[in-house]
Amino acid sequence: KVRSEAIPEDPESERDWSTEAMDC
């Protein structure tokens, strides 16, 4: 759970997360 909560590791990342990837 601790590791899961750390994703994404960099909250300032400029990556454009897809809805489906984030929902997974």
mmCIF file of all heavy atoms, coordinates in Angstrom:
data_MODEL
# 
_entry.id   MODEL 
# 
loop_
_atom_site.group_PDB 
_atom_site.id 
_atom_site.type_symbol 
_atom_site.label_atom_id 
_atom_site.label_alt_id 
_atom_site.label_comp_id 
_atom_site.label_asym_id 
_atom_site.label_entity_id 
_atom_site.label_seq_id 
_atom_site.pdbx_PDB_ins_code 
_atom_site.Cartn_x 
_atom_site.Cartn_y 
_atom_site.Cartn_z 
_atom_site.occupancy 
_atom_site.B_iso_or_equiv 
_atom_site.pdbx_formal_charge 
_atom_site.auth_seq_id 
_atom_site.auth_comp_id 
_atom_site.auth_asym_id 
_atom_site.auth_atom_id 
_atom_site.pdbx_PDB_model_num 
ATOM 1   N N   . LYS A 1 1  ? 0.844   -1.216 0.000   1.00 0.00 ? 1  LYS A N   1 
ATOM 2   C CA  . LYS A 1 1  ? 0.000   0.000  0.000   1.00 0.00 ? 1  LYS A CA  1 
ATOM 3   C C   . LYS A 1 1  ? 0.865   1.247  0.000   1.00 0.00 ? 1  LYS A C   1 
ATOM 4   O O   . LYS A 1 1  ? 0.569   2.216  -0.721  1.00 0.00 ? 1  LYS A O   1 
ATOM 5   C CB  . LYS A 1 1  ? -0.907  -0.005 1.233   1.00 0.00 ? 1  LYS A CB  1 
ATOM 6   C CG  . LYS A 1 1  ? -1.934  1.127  1.250   1.00 0.00 ? 1  LYS A CG  1 
ATOM 7   C CD  . LYS A 1 1  ? -3.014  0.900  0.222   1.00 0.00 ? 1  LYS A CD  1 
ATOM 8   C CE  . LYS A 1 1  ? -4.200  1.851  0.398   1.00 0.00 ? 1  LYS A CE  1 
ATOM 9   N NZ  . LYS A 1 1  ? -3.899  3.250  0.123   1.00 0.00 ? 1  LYS A NZ  1 
ATOM 10  N N   . VAL A 1 2  ? 1.931   1.247  0.774   1.00 0.00 ? 2  VAL A N   1 
ATOM 11  C CA  . VAL A 1 2  ? 2.838   2.402  0.805   1.00 0.00 ? 2  VAL A CA  1 
ATOM 12  C C   . VAL A 1 2  ? 3.437   2.626  -0.581  1.00 0.00 ? 2  VAL A C   1 
ATOM 13  O O   . VAL A 1 2  ? 3.500   3.769  -1.068  1.00 0.00 ? 2  VAL A O   1 
ATOM 14  C CB  . VAL A 1 2  ? 3.951   2.195  1.852   1.00 0.00 ? 2  VAL A CB  1 
ATOM 15  C CG1 . VAL A 1 2  ? 5.028   3.264  1.710   1.00 0.00 ? 2  VAL A CG1 1 
ATOM 16  C CG2 . VAL A 1 2  ? 3.365   2.217  3.259   1.00 0.00 ? 2  VAL A CG2 1 
ATOM 17  N N   . ARG A 1 3  ? 3.864   1.561  -1.221  1.00 0.00 ? 3  ARG A N   1 
ATOM 18  C CA  . ARG A 1 3  ? 4.446   1.690  -2.556  1.00 0.00 ? 3  ARG A CA  1 
ATOM 19  C C   . ARG A 1 3  ? 3.400   2.145  -3.565  1.00 0.00 ? 3  ARG A C   1 
ATOM 20  O O   . ARG A 1 3  ? 3.678   2.958  -4.458  1.00 0.00 ? 3  ARG A O   1 
ATOM 21  C CB  . ARG A 1 3  ? 5.060   0.359  -2.982  1.00 0.00 ? 3  ARG A CB  1 
ATOM 22  C CG  . ARG A 1 3  ? 6.296   -0.029 -2.186  1.00 0.00 ? 3  ARG A CG  1 
ATOM 23  C CD  . ARG A 1 3  ? 6.684   -1.480 -2.431  1.00 0.00 ? 3  ARG A CD  1 
ATOM 24  N NE  . ARG A 1 3  ? 6.995   -1.739 -3.829  1.00 0.00 ? 3  ARG A NE  1 
ATOM 25  C CZ  . ARG A 1 3  ? 7.116   -2.963 -4.349  1.00 0.00 ? 3  ARG A CZ  1 
ATOM 26  N NH1 . ARG A 1 3  ? 6.921   -4.035 -3.564  1.00 0.00 ? 3  ARG A NH1 1 
ATOM 27  N NH2 . ARG A 1 3  ? 7.414   -3.117 -5.608  1.00 0.00 ? 3  ARG A NH2 1 
ATOM 28  N N   . SER A 1 4  ? 2.192   1.618  -3.430  1.00 0.00 ? 4  SER A N   1 
ATOM 29  C CA  . SER A 1 4  ? 1.120   1.993  -4.353  1.00 0.00 ? 4  SER A CA  1 
ATOM 30  C C   . SER A 1 4  ? 0.785   3.474  -4.239  1.00 0.00 ? 4  SER A C   1 
ATOM 31  O O   . SER A 1 4  ? 0.561   4.153  -5.250  1.00 0.00 ? 4  SER A O   1 
ATOM 32  C CB  . SER A 1 4  ? -0.123  1.150  -4.056  1.00 0.00 ? 4  SER A CB  1 
ATOM 33  O OG  . SER A 1 4  ? -1.219  1.562  -4.842  1.00 0.00 ? 4  SER A OG  1 
ATOM 34  N N   . GLU A 1 5  ? 0.768   3.989  -3.024  1.00 0.00 ? 5  GLU A N   1 
ATOM 35  C CA  . GLU A 1 5  ? 0.435   5.395  -2.813  1.00 0.00 ? 5  GLU A CA  1 
ATOM 36  C C   . GLU A 1 5  ? 1.510   6.335  -3.335  1.00 0.00 ? 5  GLU A C   1 
ATOM 37  O O   . GLU A 1 5  ? 1.261   7.532  -3.500  1.00 0.00 ? 5  GLU A O   1 
ATOM 38  C CB  . GLU A 1 5  ? 0.204   5.655  -1.322  1.00 0.00 ? 5  GLU A CB  1 
ATOM 39  C CG  . GLU A 1 5  ? -1.073  5.021  -0.794  1.00 0.00 ? 5  GLU A CG  1 
ATOM 40  C CD  . GLU A 1 5  ? -1.242  5.181  0.692   1.00 0.00 ? 5  GLU A CD  1 
ATOM 41  O OE1 . GLU A 1 5  ? -0.240  5.513  1.361   1.00 0.00 ? 5  GLU A OE1 1 
ATOM 42  O OE2 . GLU A 1 5  ? -2.362  4.972  1.186   1.00 0.00 ? 5  GLU A OE2 1 
ATOM 43  N N   . ALA A 1 6  ? 2.708   5.794  -3.608  1.00 0.00 ? 6  ALA A N   1 
ATOM 44  C CA  . ALA A 1 6  ? 3.807   6.622  -4.096  1.00 0.00 ? 6  ALA A CA  1 
ATOM 45  C C   . ALA A 1 6  ? 3.773   6.805  -5.609  1.00 0.00 ? 6  ALA A C   1 
ATOM 46  O O   . ALA A 1 6  ? 4.628   7.483  -6.172  1.00 0.00 ? 6  ALA A O   1 
ATOM 47  C CB  . ALA A 1 6  ? 5.143   6.006  -3.689  1.00 0.00 ? 6  ALA A CB  1 
ATOM 48  N N   . ILE A 1 7  ? 2.789   6.219  -6.291  1.00 0.00 ? 7  ILE A N   1 
ATOM 49  C CA  . ILE A 1 7  ? 2.666   6.368  -7.744  1.00 0.00 ? 7  ILE A CA  1 
ATOM 50  C C   . ILE A 1 7  ? 1.624   7.446  -8.046  1.00 0.00 ? 7  ILE A C   1 
ATOM 51  O O   . ILE A 1 7  ? 0.522   7.392  -7.505  1.00 0.00 ? 7  ILE A O   1 
ATOM 52  C CB  . ILE A 1 7  ? 2.217   5.051  -8.404  1.00 0.00 ? 7  ILE A CB  1 
ATOM 53  C CG1 . ILE A 1 7  ? 3.160   3.910  -8.056  1.00 0.00 ? 7  ILE A CG1 1 
ATOM 54  C CG2 . ILE A 1 7  ? 2.151   5.212  -9.909  1.00 0.00 ? 7  ILE A CG2 1 
ATOM 55  C CD1 . ILE A 1 7  ? 2.677   2.556  -8.532  1.00 0.00 ? 7  ILE A CD1 1 
ATOM 56  N N   . PRO A 1 8  ? 1.903   8.416  -8.939  1.00 0.00 ? 8  PRO A N   1 
ATOM 57  C CA  . PRO A 1 8  ? 3.205   8.620  -9.561  1.00 0.00 ? 8  PRO A CA  1 
ATOM 58  C C   . PRO A 1 8  ? 4.212   9.175  -8.553  1.00 0.00 ? 8  PRO A C   1 
ATOM 59  O O   . PRO A 1 8  ? 3.845   9.963  -7.686  1.00 0.00 ? 8  PRO A O   1 
ATOM 60  C CB  . PRO A 1 8  ? 2.908   9.651  -10.659 1.00 0.00 ? 8  PRO A CB  1 
ATOM 61  C CG  . PRO A 1 8  ? 1.719   10.392 -10.145 1.00 0.00 ? 8  PRO A CG  1 
ATOM 62  C CD  . PRO A 1 8  ? 0.906   9.393  -9.367  1.00 0.00 ? 8  PRO A CD  1 
ATOM 63  N N   . GLU A 1 9  ? 5.459   8.745  -8.686  1.00 0.00 ? 9  GLU A N   1 
ATOM 64  C CA  . GLU A 1 9  ? 6.464   9.131  -7.712  1.00 0.00 ? 9  GLU A CA  1 
ATOM 65  C C   . GLU A 1 9  ? 6.725   10.635 -7.735  1.00 0.00 ? 9  GLU A C   1 
ATOM 66  O O   . GLU A 1 9  ? 7.047   11.236 -6.726  1.00 0.00 ? 9  GLU A O   1 
ATOM 67  C CB  . GLU A 1 9  ? 7.765   8.369  -7.967  1.00 0.00 ? 9  GLU A CB  1 
ATOM 68  C CG  . GLU A 1 9  ? 7.620   6.868  -7.747  1.00 0.00 ? 9  GLU A CG  1 
ATOM 69  C CD  . GLU A 1 9  ? 8.907   6.126  -8.015  1.00 0.00 ? 9  GLU A CD  1 
ATOM 70  O OE1 . GLU A 1 9  ? 9.900   6.778  -8.347  1.00 0.00 ? 9  GLU A OE1 1 
ATOM 71  O OE2 . GLU A 1 9  ? 8.913   4.896  -7.895  1.00 0.00 ? 9  GLU A OE2 1 
ATOM 72  N N   . ASP A 1 10 ? 6.598   11.262 -8.907  1.00 0.00 ? 10 ASP A N   1 
ATOM 73  C CA  . ASP A 1 10 ? 6.853   12.687 -9.030  1.00 0.00 ? 10 ASP A CA  1 
ATOM 74  C C   . ASP A 1 10 ? 5.553   13.411 -9.367  1.00 0.00 ? 10 ASP A C   1 
ATOM 75  O O   . ASP A 1 10 ? 5.117   13.419 -10.516 1.00 0.00 ? 10 ASP A O   1 
ATOM 76  C CB  . ASP A 1 10 ? 7.894   12.947 -10.127 1.00 0.00 ? 10 ASP A CB  1 
ATOM 77  C CG  . ASP A 1 10 ? 8.200   14.430 -10.300 1.00 0.00 ? 10 ASP A CG  1 
ATOM 78  O OD1 . ASP A 1 10 ? 7.679   15.226 -9.494  1.00 0.00 ? 10 ASP A OD1 1 
ATOM 79  O OD2 . ASP A 1 10 ? 8.944   14.771 -11.234 1.00 0.00 ? 10 ASP A OD2 1 
ATOM 80  N N   . PRO A 1 11 ? 4.886   14.007 -8.376  1.00 0.00 ? 11 PRO A N   1 
ATOM 81  C CA  . PRO A 1 11 ? 3.605   14.667 -8.645  1.00 0.00 ? 11 PRO A CA  1 
ATOM 82  C C   . PRO A 1 11 ? 3.732   15.862 -9.576  1.00 0.00 ? 11 PRO A C   1 
ATOM 83  O O   . PRO A 1 11 ? 2.739   16.323 -10.132 1.00 0.00 ? 11 PRO A O   1 
ATOM 84  C CB  . PRO A 1 11 ? 3.129   15.094 -7.246  1.00 0.00 ? 11 PRO A CB  1 
ATOM 85  C CG  . PRO A 1 11 ? 4.373   15.199 -6.440  1.00 0.00 ? 11 PRO A CG  1 
ATOM 86  C CD  . PRO A 1 11 ? 5.285   14.120 -6.973  1.00 0.00 ? 11 PRO A CD  1 
ATOM 87  N N   . GLU A 1 12 ? 4.954   16.367 -9.746  1.00 0.00 ? 12 GLU A N   1 
ATOM 88  C CA  . GLU A 1 12 ? 5.166   17.507 -10.646 1.00 0.00 ? 12 GLU A CA  1 
ATOM 89  C C   . GLU A 1 12 ? 5.514   17.051 -12.062 1.00 0.00 ? 12 GLU A C   1 
ATOM 90  O O   . GLU A 1 12 ? 5.816   17.875 -12.921 1.00 0.00 ? 12 GLU A O   1 
ATOM 91  C CB  . GLU A 1 12 ? 6.299   18.396 -10.104 1.00 0.00 ? 12 GLU A CB  1 
ATOM 92  C CG  . GLU A 1 12 ? 6.067   18.903 -8.688  1.00 0.00 ? 12 GLU A CG  1 
ATOM 93  C CD  . GLU A 1 12 ? 4.783   19.725 -8.581  1.00 0.00 ? 12 GLU A CD  1 
ATOM 94  O OE1 . GLU A 1 12 ? 4.493   20.473 -9.535  1.00 0.00 ? 12 GLU A OE1 1 
ATOM 95  O OE2 . GLU A 1 12 ? 4.100   19.604 -7.560  1.00 0.00 ? 12 GLU A OE2 1 
ATOM 96  N N   . SER A 1 13 ? 5.456   15.749 -12.288 1.00 0.00 ? 13 SER A N   1 
ATOM 97  C CA  . SER A 1 13 ? 5.795   15.227 -13.608 1.00 0.00 ? 13 SER A CA  1 
ATOM 98  C C   . SER A 1 13 ? 4.887   15.836 -14.668 1.00 0.00 ? 13 SER A C   1 
ATOM 99  O O   . SER A 1 13 ? 3.695   16.054 -14.457 1.00 0.00 ? 13 SER A O   1 
ATOM 100 C CB  . SER A 1 13 ? 5.643   13.697 -13.625 1.00 0.00 ? 13 SER A CB  1 
ATOM 101 O OG  . SER A 1 13 ? 5.753   13.201 -14.945 1.00 0.00 ? 13 SER A OG  1 
ATOM 102 N N   . GLU A 1 14 ? 5.461   16.106 -15.827 1.00 0.00 ? 14 GLU A N   1 
ATOM 103 C CA  . GLU A 1 14 ? 4.697   16.690 -16.930 1.00 0.00 ? 14 GLU A CA  1 
ATOM 104 C C   . GLU A 1 14 ? 4.060   15.615 -17.802 1.00 0.00 ? 14 GLU A C   1 
ATOM 105 O O   . GLU A 1 14 ? 3.431   15.921 -18.807 1.00 0.00 ? 14 GLU A O   1 
ATOM 106 C CB  . GLU A 1 14 ? 5.606   17.582 -17.782 1.00 0.00 ? 14 GLU A CB  1 
ATOM 107 C CG  . GLU A 1 14 ? 6.122   18.806 -17.014 1.00 0.00 ? 14 GLU A CG  1 
ATOM 108 C CD  . GLU A 1 14 ? 6.982   19.706 -17.879 1.00 0.00 ? 14 GLU A CD  1 
ATOM 109 O OE1 . GLU A 1 14 ? 7.184   19.356 -19.064 1.00 0.00 ? 14 GLU A OE1 1 
ATOM 110 O OE2 . GLU A 1 14 ? 7.448   20.742 -17.380 1.00 0.00 ? 14 GLU A OE2 1 
ATOM 111 N N   . ARG A 1 15 ? 4.192   14.357 -17.413 1.00 0.00 ? 15 ARG A N   1 
ATOM 112 C CA  . ARG A 1 15 ? 3.575   13.293 -18.194 1.00 0.00 ? 15 ARG A CA  1 
ATOM 113 C C   . ARG A 1 15 ? 2.063   13.444 -18.186 1.00 0.00 ? 15 ARG A C   1 
ATOM 114 O O   . ARG A 1 15 ? 1.449   13.746 -17.172 1.00 0.00 ? 15 ARG A O   1 
ATOM 115 C CB  . ARG A 1 15 ? 3.959   11.920 -17.641 1.00 0.00 ? 15 ARG A CB  1 
ATOM 116 C CG  . ARG A 1 15 ? 5.398   11.522 -17.937 1.00 0.00 ? 15 ARG A CG  1 
ATOM 117 C CD  . ARG A 1 15 ? 5.592   10.021 -17.779 1.00 0.00 ? 15 ARG A CD  1 
ATOM 118 N NE  . ARG A 1 15 ? 6.951   9.643  -18.142 1.00 0.00 ? 15 ARG A NE  1 
ATOM 119 C CZ  . ARG A 1 15 ? 7.933   9.479  -17.271 1.00 0.00 ? 15 ARG A CZ  1 
ATOM 120 N NH1 . ARG A 1 15 ? 7.700   9.656  -15.986 1.00 0.00 ? 15 ARG A NH1 1 
ATOM 121 N NH2 . ARG A 1 15 ? 9.131   9.148  -17.662 1.00 0.00 ? 15 ARG A NH2 1 
ATOM 122 N N   . ASP A 1 16 ? 1.478   13.228 -19.338 1.00 0.00 ? 16 ASP A N   1 
ATOM 123 C CA  . ASP A 1 16 ? 0.029   13.330 -19.473 1.00 0.00 ? 16 ASP A CA  1 
ATOM 124 C C   . ASP A 1 16 ? -0.562  11.938 -19.250 1.00 0.00 ? 16 ASP A C   1 
ATOM 125 O O   . ASP A 1 16 ? -0.635  11.128 -20.162 1.00 0.00 ? 16 ASP A O   1 
ATOM 126 C CB  . ASP A 1 16 ? -0.320  13.852 -20.877 1.00 0.00 ? 16 ASP A CB  1 
ATOM 127 C CG  . ASP A 1 16 ? -1.811  14.073 -21.034 1.00 0.00 ? 16 ASP A CG  1 
ATOM 128 O OD1 . ASP A 1 16 ? -2.514  14.088 -20.012 1.00 0.00 ? 16 ASP A OD1 1 
ATOM 129 O OD2 . ASP A 1 16 ? -2.268  14.226 -22.189 1.00 0.00 ? 16 ASP A OD2 1 
ATOM 130 N N   . TRP A 1 17 ? -0.979  11.677 -18.014 1.00 0.00 ? 17 TRP A N   1 
ATOM 131 C CA  . TRP A 1 17 ? -1.520  10.369 -17.678 1.00 0.00 ? 17 TRP A CA  1 
ATOM 132 C C   . TRP A 1 17 ? -2.825  10.138 -18.428 1.00 0.00 ? 17 TRP A C   1 
ATOM 133 O O   . TRP A 1 17 ? -3.696  11.007 -18.448 1.00 0.00 ? 17 TRP A O   1 
ATOM 134 C CB  . TRP A 1 17 ? -1.784  10.271 -16.183 1.00 0.00 ? 17 TRP A CB  1 
ATOM 135 C CG  . TRP A 1 17 ? -0.560  9.996  -15.379 1.00 0.00 ? 17 TRP A CG  1 
ATOM 136 C CD1 . TRP A 1 17 ? 0.389   10.898 -15.006 1.00 0.00 ? 17 TRP A CD1 1 
ATOM 137 C CD2 . TRP A 1 17 ? -0.159  8.735  -14.855 1.00 0.00 ? 17 TRP A CD2 1 
ATOM 138 N NE1 . TRP A 1 17 ? 1.367   10.274 -14.277 1.00 0.00 ? 17 TRP A NE1 1 
ATOM 139 C CE2 . TRP A 1 17 ? 1.053   8.939  -14.161 1.00 0.00 ? 17 TRP A CE2 1 
ATOM 140 C CE3 . TRP A 1 17 ? -0.712  7.460  -14.894 1.00 0.00 ? 17 TRP A CE3 1 
ATOM 141 C CZ2 . TRP A 1 17 ? 1.726   7.925  -13.524 1.00 0.00 ? 17 TRP A CZ2 1 
ATOM 142 C CZ3 . TRP A 1 17 ? -0.039  6.432  -14.255 1.00 0.00 ? 17 TRP A CZ3 1 
ATOM 143 C CH2 . TRP A 1 17 ? 1.163   6.666  -13.582 1.00 0.00 ? 17 TRP A CH2 1 
ATOM 144 N N   . SER A 1 18 ? -2.973  8.957  -19.005 1.00 0.00 ? 18 SER A N   1 
ATOM 145 C CA  . SER A 1 18 ? -4.257  8.617  -19.605 1.00 0.00 ? 18 SER A CA  1 
ATOM 146 C C   . SER A 1 18 ? -5.235  8.267  -18.490 1.00 0.00 ? 18 SER A C   1 
ATOM 147 O O   . SER A 1 18 ? -4.848  7.784  -17.419 1.00 0.00 ? 18 SER A O   1 
ATOM 148 C CB  . SER A 1 18 ? -4.123  7.437  -20.577 1.00 0.00 ? 18 SER A CB  1 
ATOM 149 O OG  . SER A 1 18 ? -4.005  6.213  -19.877 1.00 0.00 ? 18 SER A OG  1 
ATOM 150 N N   . THR A 1 19 ? -6.509  8.527  -18.749 1.00 0.00 ? 19 THR A N   1 
ATOM 151 C CA  . THR A 1 19 ? -7.549  8.205  -17.764 1.00 0.00 ? 19 THR A CA  1 
ATOM 152 C C   . THR A 1 19 ? -7.515  6.728  -17.396 1.00 0.00 ? 19 THR A C   1 
ATOM 153 O O   . THR A 1 19 ? -7.582  6.360  -16.221 1.00 0.00 ? 19 THR A O   1 
ATOM 154 C CB  . THR A 1 19 ? -8.936  8.563  -18.328 1.00 0.00 ? 19 THR A CB  1 
ATOM 155 O OG1 . THR A 1 19 ? -8.991  9.963  -18.563 1.00 0.00 ? 19 THR A OG1 1 
ATOM 156 C CG2 . THR A 1 19 ? -10.046 8.150  -17.370 1.00 0.00 ? 19 THR A CG2 1 
ATOM 157 N N   . GLU A 1 20 ? -7.396  5.875  -18.404 1.00 0.00 ? 20 GLU A N   1 
ATOM 158 C CA  . GLU A 1 20 ? -7.456  4.433  -18.179 1.00 0.00 ? 20 GLU A CA  1 
ATOM 159 C C   . GLU A 1 20 ? -6.259  3.936  -17.374 1.00 0.00 ? 20 GLU A C   1 
ATOM 160 O O   . GLU A 1 20 ? -6.411  3.081  -16.500 1.00 0.00 ? 20 GLU A O   1 
ATOM 161 C CB  . GLU A 1 20 ? -7.533  3.704  -19.521 1.00 0.00 ? 20 GLU A CB  1 
ATOM 162 C CG  . GLU A 1 20 ? -8.726  4.083  -20.375 1.00 0.00 ? 20 GLU A CG  1 
ATOM 163 C CD  . GLU A 1 20 ? -8.507  5.354  -21.189 1.00 0.00 ? 20 GLU A CD  1 
ATOM 164 O OE1 . GLU A 1 20 ? -7.382  5.916  -21.161 1.00 0.00 ? 20 GLU A OE1 1 
ATOM 165 O OE2 . GLU A 1 20 ? -9.467  5.798  -21.846 1.00 0.00 ? 20 GLU A OE2 1 
ATOM 166 N N   . ALA A 1 21 ? -5.073  4.488  -17.657 1.00 0.00 ? 21 ALA A N   1 
ATOM 167 C CA  . ALA A 1 21 ? -3.874  4.091  -16.912 1.00 0.00 ? 21 ALA A CA  1 
ATOM 168 C C   . ALA A 1 21 ? -3.992  4.496  -15.452 1.00 0.00 ? 21 ALA A C   1 
ATOM 169 O O   . ALA A 1 21 ? -3.687  3.716  -14.538 1.00 0.00 ? 21 ALA A O   1 
ATOM 170 C CB  . ALA A 1 21 ? -2.631  4.716  -17.537 1.00 0.00 ? 21 ALA A CB  1 
ATOM 171 N N   . MET A 1 22 ? -4.441  5.725  -15.213 1.00 0.00 ? 22 MET A N   1 
ATOM 172 C CA  . MET A 1 22 ? -4.588  6.191  -13.842 1.00 0.00 ? 22 MET A CA  1 
ATOM 173 C C   . MET A 1 22 ? -5.662  5.400  -13.097 1.00 0.00 ? 22 MET A C   1 
ATOM 174 O O   . MET A 1 22 ? -5.492  5.051  -11.924 1.00 0.00 ? 22 MET A O   1 
ATOM 175 C CB  . MET A 1 22 ? -4.928  7.679  -13.832 1.00 0.00 ? 22 MET A CB  1 
ATOM 176 C CG  . MET A 1 22 ? -4.964  8.283  -12.442 1.00 0.00 ? 22 MET A CG  1 
ATOM 177 S SD  . MET A 1 22 ? -3.373  8.174  -11.556 1.00 0.00 ? 22 MET A SD  1 
ATOM 178 C CE  . MET A 1 22 ? -2.453  9.488  -12.366 1.00 0.00 ? 22 MET A CE  1 
ATOM 179 N N   . ASP A 1 23 ? -6.766  5.085  -13.785 1.00 0.00 ? 23 ASP A N   1 
ATOM 180 C CA  . ASP A 1 23 ? -7.828  4.326  -13.126 1.00 0.00 ? 23 ASP A CA  1 
ATOM 181 C C   . ASP A 1 23 ? -7.375  2.912  -12.780 1.00 0.00 ? 23 ASP A C   1 
ATOM 182 O O   . ASP A 1 23 ? -7.812  2.351  -11.769 1.00 0.00 ? 23 ASP A O   1 
ATOM 183 C CB  . ASP A 1 23 ? -9.077  4.278  -14.012 1.00 0.00 ? 23 ASP A CB  1 
ATOM 184 C CG  . ASP A 1 23 ? -9.807  5.617  -14.054 1.00 0.00 ? 23 ASP A CG  1 
ATOM 185 O OD1 . ASP A 1 23 ? -9.558  6.461  -13.173 1.00 0.00 ? 23 ASP A OD1 1 
ATOM 186 O OD2 . ASP A 1 23 ? -10.628 5.819  -14.964 1.00 0.00 ? 23 ASP A OD2 1 
ATOM 187 N N   . CYS A 1 24 ? -6.501  2.336  -13.594 1.00 0.00 ? 24 CYS A N   1 
ATOM 188 C CA  . CYS A 1 24 ? -5.927  1.028  -13.281 1.00 0.00 ? 24 CYS A CA  1 
ATOM 189 C C   . CYS A 1 24 ? -5.216  1.090  -11.926 1.00 0.00 ? 24 CYS A C   1 
ATOM 190 O O   . CYS A 1 24 ? -5.455  0.263  -11.036 1.00 0.00 ? 24 CYS A O   1 
ATOM 191 C CB  . CYS A 1 24 ? -4.952  0.606  -14.383 1.00 0.00 ? 24 CYS A CB  1 
ATOM 192 S SG  . CYS A 1 24 ? -3.870  -0.791 -13.945 1.00 0.00 ? 24 CYS A SG  1 
# 
